[in-house]
Protein backbone atom coordinates (compact mmCIF):
# COMPACT_ATOMS: atom_id res chain seq x y z
CA MET A 1 39.41 179.53 -77.98
CA GLY A 2 36.48 180.95 -79.16
CA LEU A 3 35.13 183.23 -82.32
CA PHE A 4 36.73 186.11 -80.43
CA ASN A 5 39.98 184.94 -80.39
CA LYS A 6 43.28 187.73 -80.72
CA GLY A 7 46.89 187.12 -81.73
CA ALA A 8 48.66 186.35 -84.80
CA LEU A 9 46.67 184.97 -87.62
CA TYR A 10 47.12 182.01 -88.94
CA THR A 11 48.31 181.08 -92.87
CA PRO A 12 47.11 177.73 -93.77
CA ASN A 13 49.62 175.11 -95.56
CA TYR A 14 47.25 174.24 -97.80
CA LYS A 15 48.12 174.55 -101.47
CA VAL A 16 44.97 175.53 -103.34
CA THR A 17 44.31 173.78 -106.86
CA GLY A 18 41.53 176.01 -107.81
CA ASP A 19 39.13 173.59 -108.40
CA GLU A 20 38.03 172.44 -105.28
CA ILE A 21 34.56 171.11 -104.63
CA ALA A 22 33.28 171.22 -101.17
CA VAL A 23 30.98 168.05 -100.33
CA PHE A 24 28.68 168.58 -97.26
CA LYS A 25 27.02 165.34 -96.04
CA THR A 26 23.91 166.34 -94.02
CA ASN A 27 21.57 164.49 -92.38
CA LYS A 28 18.95 166.22 -94.77
CA GLY A 29 21.07 165.05 -98.00
CA THR A 30 23.96 166.38 -99.87
CA VAL A 31 25.56 169.88 -100.91
CA LYS A 32 28.28 170.48 -103.32
CA VAL A 33 30.19 173.26 -103.24
CA LYS A 34 32.81 174.93 -105.44
CA LEU A 35 35.55 176.58 -103.66
CA ASP A 36 36.66 180.30 -104.77
CA GLY A 37 40.87 179.16 -104.29
CA GLU A 38 41.40 182.66 -106.99
CA GLY A 39 39.18 184.86 -105.01
CA ALA A 40 39.43 183.58 -101.80
CA ALA A 41 42.65 181.58 -101.59
CA ILE A 42 43.16 182.09 -97.65
CA HIS A 43 39.49 180.54 -96.74
CA VAL A 44 39.71 178.28 -99.49
CA ALA A 45 42.85 176.75 -98.01
CA ASN A 46 41.80 177.46 -94.49
CA PHE A 47 38.30 175.05 -94.98
CA CYS A 48 39.93 172.59 -97.11
CA GLU A 49 42.73 172.17 -93.79
CA LEU A 50 39.99 171.96 -91.64
CA ALA A 51 37.61 169.64 -93.87
CA ASN A 52 40.57 167.43 -94.58
CA LYS A 53 41.28 166.65 -90.54
CA GLY A 54 37.74 165.81 -89.94
CA PHE A 55 37.19 169.35 -87.95
CA TYR A 56 33.37 169.43 -89.30
CA ASN A 57 32.30 166.54 -88.94
CA GLY A 58 29.63 165.56 -86.45
CA LEU A 59 29.09 169.43 -85.74
CA LYS A 60 25.69 170.95 -86.15
CA PHE A 61 24.06 174.07 -87.50
CA HIS A 62 23.64 176.28 -84.80
CA ARG A 63 21.86 179.27 -86.64
CA TYR A 64 19.10 180.15 -88.99
CA VAL A 65 17.22 182.94 -89.87
CA SER A 66 14.71 182.40 -92.57
CA ASN A 67 15.41 183.83 -95.71
CA PHE A 68 18.86 185.12 -94.65
CA VAL A 69 21.58 182.39 -93.44
CA ILE A 70 21.93 178.73 -92.00
CA GLN A 71 25.01 178.66 -89.93
CA GLY A 72 27.66 175.94 -88.55
CA GLY A 73 31.32 174.95 -88.00
CA ASP A 74 31.21 175.78 -84.52
CA PRO A 75 33.47 172.81 -82.31
CA ASN A 76 30.90 173.56 -79.56
CA THR A 77 28.74 171.72 -80.48
CA ARG A 78 30.11 168.53 -81.58
CA ASP A 79 29.19 166.88 -78.16
CA MET A 80 25.71 168.77 -77.79
CA SER A 81 22.37 167.04 -78.66
CA SER A 82 20.47 168.44 -81.74
CA GLU A 83 17.47 169.56 -79.64
CA ASP A 84 19.61 171.58 -77.09
CA VAL A 85 21.83 173.11 -80.43
CA ALA A 86 17.96 174.04 -81.74
CA ALA A 87 16.84 175.53 -78.10
CA GLY A 88 20.08 177.64 -78.23
CA LYS A 89 21.31 176.04 -74.70
CA MET A 90 24.75 175.90 -73.12
CA GLY A 91 26.99 173.22 -74.56
CA PRO A 92 29.92 171.40 -72.34
CA HIS A 93 32.43 173.54 -74.40
CA GLY A 94 30.42 176.80 -74.70
CA MET A 95 27.70 178.36 -76.17
CA PRO A 96 26.84 177.41 -79.78
CA GLY A 97 27.94 180.23 -81.98
CA THR A 98 31.22 181.17 -80.00
CA GLY A 99 33.61 178.56 -80.74
CA GLY A 100 36.47 178.07 -83.29
CA PRO A 101 39.83 176.60 -84.35
CA GLY A 102 41.69 178.57 -82.11
CA TYR A 103 43.05 181.06 -84.45
CA SER A 104 42.06 183.49 -86.64
CA ILE A 105 42.39 184.22 -90.65
CA ARG A 106 42.82 187.29 -92.53
CA HIS A 107 39.51 188.58 -94.07
CA GLU A 108 39.76 188.81 -98.38
CA TRP A 109 36.13 190.81 -98.89
CA ASP A 110 37.95 193.35 -100.06
CA VAL A 111 40.23 191.38 -102.61
CA ASN A 112 37.72 189.17 -103.98
CA PRO A 113 36.21 190.12 -107.39
CA ARG A 114 33.86 187.52 -106.70
CA ASN A 115 32.76 188.41 -103.38
CA SER A 116 28.72 188.14 -103.93
CA HIS A 117 26.38 187.05 -101.29
CA GLU A 118 24.36 185.22 -103.82
CA ASP A 119 21.49 182.49 -102.96
CA GLY A 120 23.22 179.12 -102.26
CA ALA A 121 26.94 181.57 -101.35
CA LEU A 122 29.43 180.20 -98.71
CA ALA A 123 30.99 183.12 -97.09
CA MET A 124 32.70 182.94 -93.27
CA ALA A 125 31.23 184.26 -90.12
CA ARG A 126 33.29 186.06 -87.46
CA SER A 127 32.88 188.62 -84.68
CA GLN A 128 33.24 192.27 -84.87
CA MET A 129 36.90 192.15 -85.92
CA PRO A 130 37.22 192.41 -89.45
CA ASP A 131 40.22 189.15 -89.15
CA SER A 132 38.19 187.33 -86.89
CA ALA A 133 36.89 184.17 -88.90
CA GLY A 134 38.24 180.51 -88.22
CA SER A 135 36.10 177.75 -88.83
CA GLN A 136 32.27 178.92 -88.54
CA PHE A 137 30.39 179.48 -92.00
CA TYR A 138 27.06 180.01 -93.65
CA PHE A 139 25.60 179.86 -96.74
CA CYS A 140 22.99 182.15 -98.07
CA LEU A 141 18.68 181.77 -98.15
CA GLY A 142 18.71 184.23 -100.65
CA PRO A 143 21.06 187.33 -101.86
CA GLN A 144 22.12 189.02 -99.12
CA HIS A 145 24.05 191.90 -100.63
CA PHE A 146 24.93 194.09 -97.63
CA LEU A 147 27.03 191.75 -96.56
CA ASP A 148 29.50 191.92 -99.37
CA PRO A 149 31.66 194.68 -98.33
CA ASN A 150 31.79 192.85 -94.75
CA TYR A 151 32.13 189.00 -95.00
CA THR A 152 33.98 186.98 -97.04
CA VAL A 153 32.79 184.75 -99.79
CA PHE A 154 34.03 181.41 -100.46
CA GLY A 155 32.44 179.30 -102.67
CA GLN A 156 28.90 178.75 -104.24
CA THR A 157 26.60 175.85 -104.07
CA ILE A 158 26.57 174.43 -107.60
CA GLU A 159 24.35 171.19 -106.22
CA GLY A 160 21.83 170.67 -103.44
CA LEU A 161 20.52 174.12 -103.14
CA ASP A 162 16.97 172.26 -102.23
CA VAL A 163 19.28 170.97 -99.05
CA VAL A 164 20.69 174.05 -97.95
CA LYS A 165 17.03 175.65 -97.84
CA SER A 166 15.62 172.91 -95.64
CA LEU A 167 18.67 172.44 -93.05
CA ARG A 168 17.61 174.25 -89.50
CA ALA A 169 19.35 174.73 -86.20
CA GLY A 170 20.60 171.05 -84.91
CA ASP A 171 20.56 169.33 -88.26
CA THR A 172 24.09 167.85 -88.51
CA ILE A 173 27.12 167.91 -90.87
CA GLU A 174 27.70 164.63 -90.91
CA SER A 175 30.96 165.06 -93.31
CA VAL A 176 32.81 167.31 -95.27
CA THR A 177 34.65 166.25 -97.92
CA ILE A 178 37.18 167.96 -100.57
CA GLU A 179 36.95 166.77 -104.52
CA ASN A 180 39.90 167.88 -106.73
CA GLY A 181 42.12 169.26 -103.67
CA GLU A 182 45.84 168.85 -102.93
CA ASP A 183 45.41 165.33 -102.18
CA ALA A 184 43.29 164.26 -104.66
């Protein structure tokens, strides 16, 4: 199932502590993100569940737009070479940018008081349907406030912004772990 999944919205089982830090280990270095469990509880719970299952391990960033975003989290990139992802080639499971976890979650941009696309913000990608986010995320490469009314921000980079800015399509997410989470 892809990013354009239709049907009932998923409610994560993960219990947000409010202190979660996502640690992204990439081939370019480590990035730490303070997750906003108070403002975007559904997104944080969903992201933590996926990270704890190892969903993001081995995926590639598939979209880079200079001074805009670097995007990842598509399982279609798992069995692809970095070169093929960077070239935008079709993978064995579909085109990069169209995959997801098989479900969607409810948007939270209109209820999150800190929904601000600052430099280094972590937000959830989606299709044209408001409640279509699943696993794909992006980091802002500079402020992108025109996205505030339509996309949910659920974290802010606190370490490794230089790494975020060095990432390109084809770079690898080696692992995503959660510090200070429900199992910590």
